[in-house]
Protein backbone atom coordinates (compact mmCIF):
# COMPACT_ATOMS: atom_id res chain seq x y z
CA MET A 1 -45.78 -32.12 8.76
CA SER A 2 -42.21 -30.24 9.71
CA THR A 3 -42.73 -27.91 12.08
CA THR A 4 -38.56 -26.42 11.47
CA PRO A 5 -38.31 -23.34 9.14
CA HIS A 6 -37.87 -23.38 5.82
CA ARG A 7 -34.08 -23.33 4.71
CA HIS A 8 -32.91 -20.97 1.86
CA GLN A 9 -30.17 -20.59 0.04
CA ALA A 10 -27.78 -18.00 0.91
CA PRO A 11 -25.60 -16.23 -2.08
CA PRO A 12 -22.29 -18.19 -2.44
CA ALA A 13 -19.44 -16.65 -0.38
CA ASN A 14 -16.04 -16.24 -1.83
CA LYS A 15 -14.08 -18.91 -0.50
CA GLY A 16 -10.52 -17.53 -1.18
CA LEU A 17 -11.38 -14.93 0.07
CA LEU A 18 -12.97 -16.33 3.31
CA ALA A 19 -9.30 -18.12 3.32
CA LEU A 20 -7.76 -14.83 4.01
CA ALA A 21 -9.70 -13.44 6.50
CA CYS A 22 -8.75 -16.79 8.37
CA VAL A 23 -4.84 -16.53 7.76
CA LEU A 24 -5.06 -13.02 8.93
CA LEU A 25 -7.03 -13.94 11.98
CA ALA A 26 -4.09 -16.69 12.57
CA ILE A 27 -0.83 -14.96 12.36
CA PRO A 28 -1.51 -12.72 15.86
CA ILE A 29 -2.27 -16.31 17.59
CA VAL A 30 0.66 -18.05 15.93
CA ALA A 31 3.26 -14.63 16.24
CA LEU A 32 2.43 -15.39 20.06
CA MET A 33 2.22 -18.64 20.77
CA LEU A 34 6.22 -18.58 19.64
CA VAL A 35 7.52 -17.36 23.19
CA GLY A 36 10.89 -17.83 22.48
CA THR A 37 11.24 -15.40 19.87
CA TYR A 38 10.56 -12.52 22.15
CA ALA A 39 11.20 -13.67 25.83
CA LYS A 40 14.02 -11.72 26.33
CA ASP A 41 15.37 -8.05 27.95
CA GLU A 42 16.73 -6.05 25.30
CA PRO A 43 16.17 -4.02 23.02
CA ARG A 44 14.20 -1.65 25.44
CA VAL A 45 12.31 0.99 24.08
CA ALA A 46 11.14 4.27 26.83
CA GLY A 47 12.76 1.58 29.11
CA PHE A 48 10.55 -1.00 28.80
CA PRO A 49 12.01 -4.36 28.16
CA PHE A 50 11.35 -6.37 24.32
CA PHE A 51 8.78 -8.53 26.05
CA ILE A 52 6.34 -6.06 27.04
CA TRP A 53 6.70 -3.65 24.27
CA TYR A 54 6.46 -6.43 21.79
CA GLN A 55 2.95 -7.82 22.79
CA PHE A 56 1.85 -4.32 22.68
CA VAL A 57 2.27 -3.85 19.64
CA TRP A 58 0.47 -7.17 18.70
CA VAL A 59 -2.32 -5.76 20.71
CA ILE A 60 -2.33 -2.92 18.23
CA LEU A 61 -1.58 -5.42 15.17
CA CYS A 62 -4.50 -7.66 16.48
CA SER A 63 -6.53 -4.86 16.29
CA VAL A 64 -5.92 -4.41 13.05
CA LEU A 65 -5.86 -7.95 11.37
CA THR A 66 -9.21 -8.37 13.01
CA TYR A 67 -10.72 -5.19 11.13
CA SER A 68 -9.03 -6.39 7.70
CA ALA A 69 -10.54 -10.12 7.93
CA TYR A 70 -14.56 -8.67 9.32
CA ARG A 71 -14.25 -6.67 6.29
CA ILE A 72 -12.95 -9.14 4.29
CA VAL A 73 -15.70 -11.57 5.36
CA LEU A 74 -18.07 -8.51 4.66
CA LYS A 75 -16.82 -8.47 0.67
CA ALA A 76 -16.59 -12.53 0.28
CA ARG A 77 -20.53 -12.98 1.93
CA PRO A 78 -22.29 -10.53 0.05
CA HIS A 79 -26.07 -9.25 1.99
CA VAL A 80 -29.11 -10.07 -0.12
CA PRO A 81 -31.98 -8.62 1.60
CA MET A 82 -34.65 -10.43 2.86
CA ASN A 83 -38.56 -9.50 3.59
CA PRO A 84 -39.93 -8.56 6.73
CA GLU A 85 -40.74 -11.91 7.22
CA GLY A 86 -37.34 -13.29 6.83
CA ASP A 87 -38.47 -16.66 5.31
CA GLU A 88 -37.67 -15.99 1.50
CA PHE A 89 -35.09 -13.23 -0.49
CA LEU A 90 -36.58 -10.29 -2.07
CA ASP A 91 -35.86 -10.32 -6.13
CA GLU A 92 -34.26 -7.71 -7.47
CA ASP A 93 -37.50 -5.21 -8.61
CA ASP A 94 -38.17 -5.94 -5.15
CA ARG A 95 -35.81 -4.20 -3.04
CA PHE A 96 -36.54 -1.02 -1.47
CA ASP A 97 -34.44 1.81 -2.73
CA PRO A 98 -34.80 4.77 0.06
CA ARG A 99 -34.66 7.25 -3.02
CA GLU A 100 -38.09 6.56 -4.71
CA ASP A 101 -39.76 8.40 -1.83
CA GLY A 102 -38.83 11.46 -2.87
CA THR A 103 -37.23 11.71 1.42
CA ARG A 104 -33.47 11.52 2.94
């Protein structure tokens, strides 16, 4: 007798969107590995050399790209509710609608 839990098939993921999310996550990695492209002093912004402010701009860009990839992954892998025990997916008829009980 097997003691491993039963595995249920997850809904299919949109592989194109997942690939796009991977590309968005890879952009800053590749851009910052090319040190020769930004290892210079000029142009200066507010007295800071290019090397410093270029990396700071990438901090902001990395945040934007990571959040975008996260939102894309949420779209690519739809959530299907499970029962309270977590051993099977709920059908359309079994799903709880909070508007049905009359409370907000």
